[in-house]
Amino acid sequence: MRYLHTMVRVRDLDAALDFWCAKLGLVEVKRDEYPQGRFTLVFLAAPEDAGGAQVGGQRGAPLVELTYNWDTEEYAGGRNFGHLAFEVDDVYAACQRLMDGGVVINRPPRDGNMAFVRSPDGISVELLQKGPRKAPAEPWASMPNVGAW
């Protein structure tokens, strides 16, 4: 068995792409429009995985599949599947970049290892420090949790 992708339904494709690509740093590797079904699929990969991403192929990198249904629909319980996890080179720098982009850090990386944020659709995203955890540092060490993560 091998991991292929996680599908996330989104209400606003532009807001979702702003979060997942512009702020978190994933890259779009494929987009499919289905006018008959009235939906769009957008496949995203981490930059280091983008070259190896093969949607539907035998080999490929893990992907996030954004499903945008053209008709208005409300989705509840964005946390019902758990969360997505991404390894980052510097958890502090990643959180600062997200905060600078207007993203709330729900669980700051007080331990120098792990943080949680949420997408505009309420999907919980875990950021894990690549390699050994960083030494505790401010402002992260004294930042409280905010909301649910």
N, C-alpha and C. Protein backbone atom coordinates (compact mmCIF):
# COMPACT_ATOMS: atom_id res chain seq x y z
N MET A 1 0.85 -1.17 0.00
CA MET A 1 0.00 0.00 0.00
C MET A 1 0.90 1.24 0.00
N ARG A 2 0.45 2.29 -0.68
CA ARG A 2 1.19 3.55 -0.64
C ARG A 2 0.20 4.70 -0.63
N TYR A 3 0.57 5.73 0.04
CA TYR A 3 -0.28 6.91 0.16
C TYR A 3 -0.33 7.64 -1.17
N LEU A 4 -1.54 8.02 -1.63
CA LEU A 4 -1.70 8.73 -2.90
C LEU A 4 -2.03 10.19 -2.70
N HIS A 5 -3.18 10.47 -2.05
CA HIS A 5 -3.58 11.86 -1.85
C HIS A 5 -4.64 11.96 -0.76
N THR A 6 -4.86 13.18 -0.33
CA THR A 6 -5.97 13.49 0.57
C THR A 6 -6.88 14.44 -0.18
N MET A 7 -8.16 14.12 -0.23
CA MET A 7 -9.13 14.98 -0.91
C MET A 7 -9.80 15.89 0.12
N VAL A 8 -9.82 17.17 -0.19
CA VAL A 8 -10.44 18.17 0.67
C VAL A 8 -11.44 18.95 -0.16
N ARG A 9 -12.70 18.99 0.28
CA ARG A 9 -13.70 19.81 -0.41
C ARG A 9 -13.55 21.25 0.05
N VAL A 10 -13.58 22.18 -0.92
CA VAL A 10 -13.41 23.59 -0.59
C VAL A 10 -14.60 24.40 -1.11
N ARG A 11 -14.97 25.45 -0.36
CA ARG A 11 -16.10 26.30 -0.75
C ARG A 11 -15.68 27.41 -1.70
N ASP A 12 -14.45 27.90 -1.56
CA ASP A 12 -13.95 29.02 -2.35
C ASP A 12 -12.58 28.61 -2.89
N LEU A 13 -12.52 28.28 -4.18
CA LEU A 13 -11.28 27.76 -4.76
C LEU A 13 -10.16 28.79 -4.69
N ASP A 14 -10.46 30.06 -4.94
CA ASP A 14 -9.42 31.09 -4.89
C ASP A 14 -8.84 31.21 -3.48
N ALA A 15 -9.70 31.23 -2.46
CA ALA A 15 -9.22 31.32 -1.07
C ALA A 15 -8.42 30.08 -0.70
N ALA A 16 -8.87 28.92 -1.16
CA ALA A 16 -8.16 27.67 -0.87
C ALA A 16 -6.78 27.68 -1.51
N LEU A 17 -6.69 28.09 -2.78
CA LEU A 17 -5.40 28.13 -3.46
C LEU A 17 -4.47 29.17 -2.85
N ASP A 18 -5.03 30.29 -2.39
CA ASP A 18 -4.22 31.30 -1.71
C ASP A 18 -3.58 30.68 -0.47
N PHE A 19 -4.37 29.93 0.31
CA PHE A 19 -3.84 29.30 1.51
C PHE A 19 -2.82 28.21 1.18
N TRP A 20 -3.25 27.22 0.41
CA TRP A 20 -2.43 26.04 0.15
C TRP A 20 -1.18 26.36 -0.67
N CYS A 21 -1.28 27.28 -1.64
CA CYS A 21 -0.15 27.59 -2.53
C CYS A 21 0.61 28.84 -2.10
N ALA A 22 -0.06 29.99 -2.09
CA ALA A 22 0.63 31.26 -1.81
C ALA A 22 1.17 31.32 -0.39
N LYS A 23 0.43 30.79 0.56
CA LYS A 23 0.86 30.91 1.95
C LYS A 23 1.59 29.68 2.47
N LEU A 24 1.06 28.49 2.22
CA LEU A 24 1.70 27.27 2.73
C LEU A 24 2.84 26.83 1.84
N GLY A 25 2.76 27.11 0.53
CA GLY A 25 3.87 26.84 -0.36
C GLY A 25 3.74 25.62 -1.27
N LEU A 26 2.56 24.97 -1.29
CA LEU A 26 2.37 23.86 -2.22
C LEU A 26 2.29 24.39 -3.65
N VAL A 27 2.47 23.52 -4.64
CA VAL A 27 2.39 23.91 -6.04
C VAL A 27 1.33 23.07 -6.74
N GLU A 28 0.63 23.72 -7.66
CA GLU A 28 -0.39 23.02 -8.45
C GLU A 28 0.30 22.16 -9.49
N VAL A 29 -0.07 20.86 -9.55
CA VAL A 29 0.54 19.96 -10.53
C VAL A 29 -0.46 19.48 -11.59
N LYS A 30 -1.74 19.62 -11.31
CA LYS A 30 -2.75 19.22 -12.30
C LYS A 30 -4.09 19.82 -11.92
N ARG A 31 -4.88 20.16 -12.96
CA ARG A 31 -6.23 20.69 -12.75
C ARG A 31 -7.15 20.07 -13.79
N ASP A 32 -8.29 19.57 -13.32
CA ASP A 32 -9.30 18.99 -14.21
C ASP A 32 -10.64 19.66 -13.96
N GLU A 33 -11.27 20.12 -15.05
CA GLU A 33 -12.61 20.73 -14.97
C GLU A 33 -13.62 19.70 -15.47
N TYR A 34 -14.72 19.56 -14.78
CA TYR A 34 -15.78 18.62 -15.16
C TYR A 34 -17.10 19.38 -15.27
N PRO A 35 -17.33 20.04 -16.42
CA PRO A 35 -18.56 20.83 -16.59
C PRO A 35 -19.83 20.01 -16.41
N GLN A 36 -19.84 18.76 -16.88
CA GLN A 36 -21.05 17.94 -16.74
C GLN A 36 -21.37 17.66 -15.27
N GLY A 37 -20.32 17.43 -14.48
CA GLY A 37 -20.53 17.18 -13.05
C GLY A 37 -20.50 18.44 -12.21
N ARG A 38 -20.15 19.57 -12.82
CA ARG A 38 -20.10 20.87 -12.16
C ARG A 38 -19.11 20.89 -10.99
N PHE A 39 -17.88 20.41 -11.27
CA PHE A 39 -16.83 20.47 -10.25
C PHE A 39 -15.46 20.57 -10.90
N THR A 40 -14.49 21.03 -10.10
CA THR A 40 -13.10 21.17 -10.51
C THR A 40 -12.24 20.42 -9.51
N LEU A 41 -11.24 19.69 -10.01
CA LEU A 41 -10.25 19.03 -9.16
C LEU A 41 -8.90 19.71 -9.39
N VAL A 42 -8.25 20.10 -8.31
CA VAL A 42 -6.92 20.69 -8.39
C VAL A 42 -6.00 19.86 -7.50
N PHE A 43 -4.92 19.33 -8.10
CA PHE A 43 -3.97 18.51 -7.37
C PHE A 43 -2.74 19.33 -7.03
N LEU A 44 -2.32 19.26 -5.75
CA LEU A 44 -1.20 20.04 -5.24
C LEU A 44 -0.14 19.11 -4.66
N ALA A 45 1.12 19.54 -4.72
CA ALA A 45 2.22 18.79 -4.14
C ALA A 45 3.16 19.75 -3.42
N ALA A 46 3.92 19.21 -2.48
CA ALA A 46 4.99 19.99 -1.87
C ALA A 46 6.03 20.26 -2.96
N PRO A 47 6.72 21.41 -2.91
CA PRO A 47 7.68 21.75 -3.96
C PRO A 47 8.71 20.64 -4.22
N GLU A 48 9.22 20.02 -3.18
CA GLU A 48 10.22 18.96 -3.35
C GLU A 48 9.63 17.71 -4.00
N ASP A 49 8.31 17.55 -3.94
CA ASP A 49 7.64 16.39 -4.51
C ASP A 49 7.05 16.65 -5.89
N ALA A 50 6.99 17.91 -6.31
CA ALA A 50 6.26 18.27 -7.53
C ALA A 50 6.78 17.53 -8.77
N GLY A 51 8.09 17.36 -8.88
CA GLY A 51 8.65 16.68 -10.04
C GLY A 51 8.26 15.21 -10.11
N GLY A 52 8.01 14.61 -8.98
CA GLY A 52 7.65 13.19 -8.94
C GLY A 52 6.16 12.94 -8.91
N ALA A 53 5.36 13.99 -8.95
CA ALA A 53 3.91 13.83 -8.87
C ALA A 53 3.38 13.33 -10.20
N GLN A 54 2.67 12.23 -10.15
CA GLN A 54 2.02 11.67 -11.33
C GLN A 54 0.60 11.32 -10.92
N VAL A 55 -0.33 12.15 -11.27
CA VAL A 55 -1.72 11.91 -10.90
C VAL A 55 -2.23 10.71 -11.69
N GLY A 56 -2.66 9.67 -10.97
CA GLY A 56 -3.20 8.49 -11.61
C GLY A 56 -2.16 7.49 -12.08
N GLY A 57 -0.87 7.80 -11.92
CA GLY A 57 0.19 6.89 -12.36
C GLY A 57 0.54 5.88 -11.29
N GLN A 58 1.42 4.95 -11.64
CA GLN A 58 1.86 3.93 -10.69
C GLN A 58 2.79 4.50 -9.63
N ARG A 59 3.58 5.48 -9.99
CA ARG A 59 4.50 6.10 -9.06
C ARG A 59 4.12 7.57 -8.93
N GLY A 60 4.37 8.13 -7.79
CA GLY A 60 4.08 9.54 -7.63
C GLY A 60 4.21 9.97 -6.19
N ALA A 61 4.28 11.27 -6.02
CA ALA A 61 4.41 11.87 -4.70
C ALA A 61 3.04 11.99 -4.07
N PRO A 62 2.99 12.13 -2.74
CA PRO A 62 1.71 12.38 -2.08
C PRO A 62 1.12 13.70 -2.55
N LEU A 63 -0.18 13.74 -2.71
CA LEU A 63 -0.86 14.93 -3.21
C LEU A 63 -2.01 15.34 -2.31
N VAL A 64 -2.36 16.61 -2.40
CA VAL A 64 -3.59 17.13 -1.83
C VAL A 64 -4.51 17.41 -3.01
N GLU A 65 -5.69 16.83 -2.99
CA GLU A 65 -6.68 17.07 -4.05
C GLU A 65 -7.75 18.01 -3.51
N LEU A 66 -7.83 19.21 -4.09
CA LEU A 66 -8.89 20.15 -3.73
C LEU A 66 -10.06 19.88 -4.67
N THR A 67 -11.23 19.63 -4.10
CA THR A 67 -12.43 19.42 -4.89
C THR A 67 -13.33 20.62 -4.70
N TYR A 68 -13.58 21.33 -5.80
CA TYR A 68 -14.44 22.50 -5.75
C TYR A 68 -15.72 22.20 -6.51
N ASN A 69 -16.83 22.09 -5.78
CA ASN A 69 -18.14 21.90 -6.41
C ASN A 69 -18.69 23.27 -6.77
N TRP A 70 -19.08 23.44 -8.02
CA TRP A 70 -19.49 24.75 -8.51
C TRP A 70 -20.76 25.26 -7.86
N ASP A 71 -21.63 24.36 -7.44
CA ASP A 71 -22.87 24.77 -6.78
C ASP A 71 -22.59 24.97 -5.29
N THR A 72 -23.24 25.95 -4.70
CA THR A 72 -23.03 26.27 -3.29
C THR A 72 -23.40 25.09 -2.41
N GLU A 73 -22.49 24.82 -1.46
CA GLU A 73 -22.71 23.71 -0.54
C GLU A 73 -21.93 23.99 0.74
N GLU A 74 -22.50 23.70 1.88
CA GLU A 74 -21.81 23.89 3.16
C GLU A 74 -21.20 22.57 3.60
N TYR A 75 -19.97 22.61 4.09
CA TYR A 75 -19.29 21.43 4.58
C TYR A 75 -19.01 21.63 6.07
N ALA A 76 -19.49 20.73 6.88
CA ALA A 76 -19.27 20.81 8.32
C ALA A 76 -18.23 19.76 8.72
N GLY A 77 -17.64 19.96 9.87
CA GLY A 77 -16.75 18.95 10.42
C GLY A 77 -15.45 18.77 9.67
N GLY A 78 -14.79 19.88 9.30
CA GLY A 78 -13.54 19.79 8.57
C GLY A 78 -12.47 18.97 9.27
N ARG A 79 -12.59 18.80 10.58
CA ARG A 79 -11.59 18.02 11.32
C ARG A 79 -11.96 16.55 11.42
N ASN A 80 -13.06 16.12 10.82
CA ASN A 80 -13.53 14.75 11.05
C ASN A 80 -12.57 13.69 10.56
N PHE A 81 -11.62 14.00 9.70
CA PHE A 81 -10.65 13.01 9.25
C PHE A 81 -9.32 13.14 9.96
N GLY A 82 -9.12 14.14 10.75
CA GLY A 82 -7.86 14.35 11.45
C GLY A 82 -7.16 15.58 10.93
N HIS A 83 -5.99 15.42 10.32
CA HIS A 83 -5.24 16.56 9.80
C HIS A 83 -4.28 16.10 8.71
N LEU A 84 -3.75 17.07 7.99
CA LEU A 84 -2.67 16.83 7.03
C LEU A 84 -1.37 17.23 7.72
N ALA A 85 -0.28 16.53 7.44
CA ALA A 85 0.99 16.85 8.07
C ALA A 85 2.05 17.10 7.00
N PHE A 86 2.83 18.16 7.20
CA PHE A 86 3.91 18.52 6.30
C PHE A 86 5.18 18.74 7.10
N GLU A 87 6.29 18.19 6.61
CA GLU A 87 7.58 18.43 7.21
C GLU A 87 8.13 19.74 6.62
N VAL A 88 8.66 20.61 7.49
CA VAL A 88 9.20 21.89 7.03
C VAL A 88 10.66 22.04 7.49
N ASP A 89 11.45 22.78 6.71
CA ASP A 89 12.86 22.97 7.04
C ASP A 89 13.05 23.77 8.32
N ASP A 90 12.17 24.74 8.57
CA ASP A 90 12.28 25.60 9.75
C ASP A 90 10.87 25.95 10.22
N VAL A 91 10.41 25.29 11.28
CA VAL A 91 9.04 25.47 11.75
C VAL A 91 8.77 26.92 12.16
N TYR A 92 9.78 27.58 12.73
CA TYR A 92 9.59 28.98 13.13
C TYR A 92 9.42 29.88 11.91
N ALA A 93 10.25 29.70 10.91
CA ALA A 93 10.15 30.52 9.69
C ALA A 93 8.83 30.25 8.96
N ALA A 94 8.41 28.98 8.93
CA ALA A 94 7.14 28.64 8.27
C ALA A 94 5.97 29.31 8.98
N CYS A 95 5.97 29.27 10.30
CA CYS A 95 4.88 29.90 11.06
C CYS A 95 4.91 31.42 10.88
N GLN A 96 6.09 32.02 10.86
CA GLN A 96 6.18 33.47 10.66
C GLN A 96 5.64 33.86 9.30
N ARG A 97 6.00 33.08 8.26
CA ARG A 97 5.52 33.36 6.90
C ARG A 97 3.99 33.26 6.85
N LEU A 98 3.43 32.25 7.51
CA LEU A 98 1.98 32.10 7.54
C LEU A 98 1.32 33.24 8.30
N MET A 99 1.87 33.59 9.46
CA MET A 99 1.32 34.73 10.23
C MET A 99 1.38 36.01 9.42
N ASP A 100 2.49 36.25 8.73
CA ASP A 100 2.63 37.45 7.90
C ASP A 100 1.59 37.46 6.79
N GLY A 101 1.11 36.28 6.39
CA GLY A 101 0.07 36.17 5.37
C GLY A 101 -1.33 36.20 5.94
N GLY A 102 -1.46 36.43 7.24
CA GLY A 102 -2.77 36.53 7.86
C GLY A 102 -3.34 35.23 8.39
N VAL A 103 -2.53 34.17 8.44
CA VAL A 103 -3.00 32.88 8.94
C VAL A 103 -2.80 32.82 10.46
N VAL A 104 -3.82 32.38 11.18
CA VAL A 104 -3.73 32.23 12.63
C VAL A 104 -2.95 30.95 12.95
N ILE A 105 -1.99 31.06 13.85
CA ILE A 105 -1.26 29.88 14.32
C ILE A 105 -2.04 29.35 15.52
N ASN A 106 -2.83 28.31 15.30
CA ASN A 106 -3.70 27.79 16.35
C ASN A 106 -2.92 27.12 17.48
N ARG A 107 -1.90 26.37 17.12
CA ARG A 107 -1.03 25.74 18.12
C ARG A 107 0.39 26.14 17.74
N PRO A 108 0.96 27.14 18.41
CA PRO A 108 2.31 27.60 18.08
C PRO A 108 3.36 26.52 18.34
N PRO A 109 4.52 26.64 17.69
CA PRO A 109 5.58 25.65 17.86
C PRO A 109 6.40 25.90 19.13
N ARG A 110 5.74 25.88 20.27
CA ARG A 110 6.42 26.14 21.54
C ARG A 110 7.56 25.17 21.79
N ASP A 111 7.42 23.95 21.31
CA ASP A 111 8.42 22.91 21.53
C ASP A 111 9.50 22.89 20.45
N GLY A 112 9.45 23.83 19.49
CA GLY A 112 10.42 23.86 18.41
C GLY A 112 10.26 22.72 17.42
N ASN A 113 9.11 22.06 17.49
CA ASN A 113 8.92 20.88 16.65
C ASN A 113 7.60 20.85 15.89
N MET A 114 6.52 21.30 16.51
CA MET A 114 5.19 21.09 15.92
C MET A 114 4.31 22.32 16.08
N ALA A 115 3.56 22.61 15.01
CA ALA A 115 2.58 23.70 15.04
C ALA A 115 1.35 23.23 14.26
N PHE A 116 0.22 23.88 14.52
CA PHE A 116 -1.01 23.61 13.78
C PHE A 116 -1.63 24.91 13.30
N VAL A 117 -2.13 24.89 12.07
CA VAL A 117 -2.91 25.99 11.49
C VAL A 117 -4.14 25.36 10.86
N ARG A 118 -5.07 26.21 10.41
CA ARG A 118 -6.26 25.70 9.74
C ARG A 118 -6.44 26.44 8.41
N SER A 119 -6.92 25.71 7.42
CA SER A 119 -7.19 26.30 6.11
C SER A 119 -8.47 27.13 6.19
N PRO A 120 -8.78 27.91 5.15
CA PRO A 120 -10.04 28.67 5.15
C PRO A 120 -11.27 27.78 5.26
N ASP A 121 -11.13 26.48 4.95
CA ASP A 121 -12.25 25.54 5.05
C ASP A 121 -12.22 24.73 6.34
N GLY A 122 -11.38 25.12 7.30
CA GLY A 122 -11.35 24.47 8.60
C GLY A 122 -10.53 23.19 8.65
N ILE A 123 -9.72 22.92 7.65
CA ILE A 123 -8.89 21.72 7.65
C ILE A 123 -7.66 21.98 8.52
N SER A 124 -7.40 21.08 9.45
CA SER A 124 -6.27 21.20 10.35
C SER A 124 -5.00 20.73 9.64
N VAL A 125 -3.94 21.57 9.72
CA VAL A 125 -2.67 21.28 9.06
C VAL A 125 -1.57 21.31 10.12
N GLU A 126 -0.85 20.20 10.22
CA GLU A 126 0.27 20.09 11.16
C GLU A 126 1.57 20.38 10.43
N LEU A 127 2.41 21.20 11.05
CA LEU A 127 3.74 21.51 10.52
C LEU A 127 4.76 20.90 11.47
N LEU A 128 5.63 20.02 10.94
CA LEU A 128 6.62 19.33 11.77
C LEU A 128 8.03 19.74 11.33
N GLN A 129 8.87 20.04 12.31
CA GLN A 129 10.25 20.42 12.05
C GLN A 129 11.02 19.26 11.44
N LYS A 130 11.69 19.50 10.33
CA LYS A 130 12.54 18.49 9.72
C LYS A 130 13.78 18.31 10.58
N GLY A 131 14.15 17.09 10.86
CA GLY A 131 15.32 16.82 11.69
C GLY A 131 15.05 17.09 13.15
N PRO A 132 16.09 17.39 13.90
CA PRO A 132 15.90 17.61 15.34
C PRO A 132 15.08 18.87 15.62
N ARG A 133 14.36 18.83 16.73
CA ARG A 133 13.56 20.00 17.11
C ARG A 133 14.47 21.18 17.38
N LYS A 134 13.92 22.38 17.15
CA LYS A 134 14.66 23.61 17.40
C LYS A 134 14.57 23.95 18.89
N ALA A 135 15.52 24.73 19.37
CA ALA A 135 15.47 25.20 20.75
C ALA A 135 14.27 26.13 20.91
N PRO A 136 13.57 26.07 22.06
CA PRO A 136 12.45 26.98 22.27
C PRO A 136 12.90 28.44 22.08
N ALA A 137 12.04 29.23 21.44
CA ALA A 137 12.38 30.63 21.14
C ALA A 137 11.10 31.47 21.16
N GLU A 138 11.25 32.73 21.47
CA GLU A 138 10.14 33.67 21.43
C GLU A 138 9.96 34.19 20.01
N PRO A 139 8.76 34.57 19.64
CA PRO A 139 7.57 34.70 20.48
C PRO A 139 6.82 33.38 20.68
N TRP A 140 7.31 32.31 20.04
CA TRP A 140 6.59 31.04 20.02
C TRP A 140 6.48 30.39 21.39
N ALA A 141 7.53 30.43 22.19
CA ALA A 141 7.56 29.73 23.46
C ALA A 141 6.45 30.16 24.42
N SER A 142 6.05 31.42 24.36
CA SER A 142 5.03 31.91 25.30
C SER A 142 3.67 32.17 24.63
N MET A 143 3.54 31.80 23.37
CA MET A 143 2.27 32.02 22.65
C MET A 143 1.23 30.98 23.07
N PRO A 144 0.02 31.41 23.37
CA PRO A 144 -1.03 30.45 23.74
C PRO A 144 -1.67 29.81 22.51
N ASN A 145 -2.33 28.70 22.73
CA ASN A 145 -3.15 28.10 21.69
C ASN A 145 -4.33 29.02 21.39
N VAL A 146 -4.80 29.00 20.14
CA VAL A 146 -5.93 29.83 19.74
C VAL A 146 -6.92 28.95 19.00
N GLY A 147 -8.17 28.91 19.47
CA GLY A 147 -9.20 28.16 18.77
C GLY A 147 -8.92 26.66 18.78
N ALA A 148 -9.53 25.96 17.84
CA ALA A 148 -9.36 24.52 17.74
C ALA A 148 -8.31 24.20 16.70
N TRP A 149 -7.62 23.09 16.90
CA TRP A 149 -6.64 22.66 15.93
C TRP A 149 -6.65 21.17 15.81
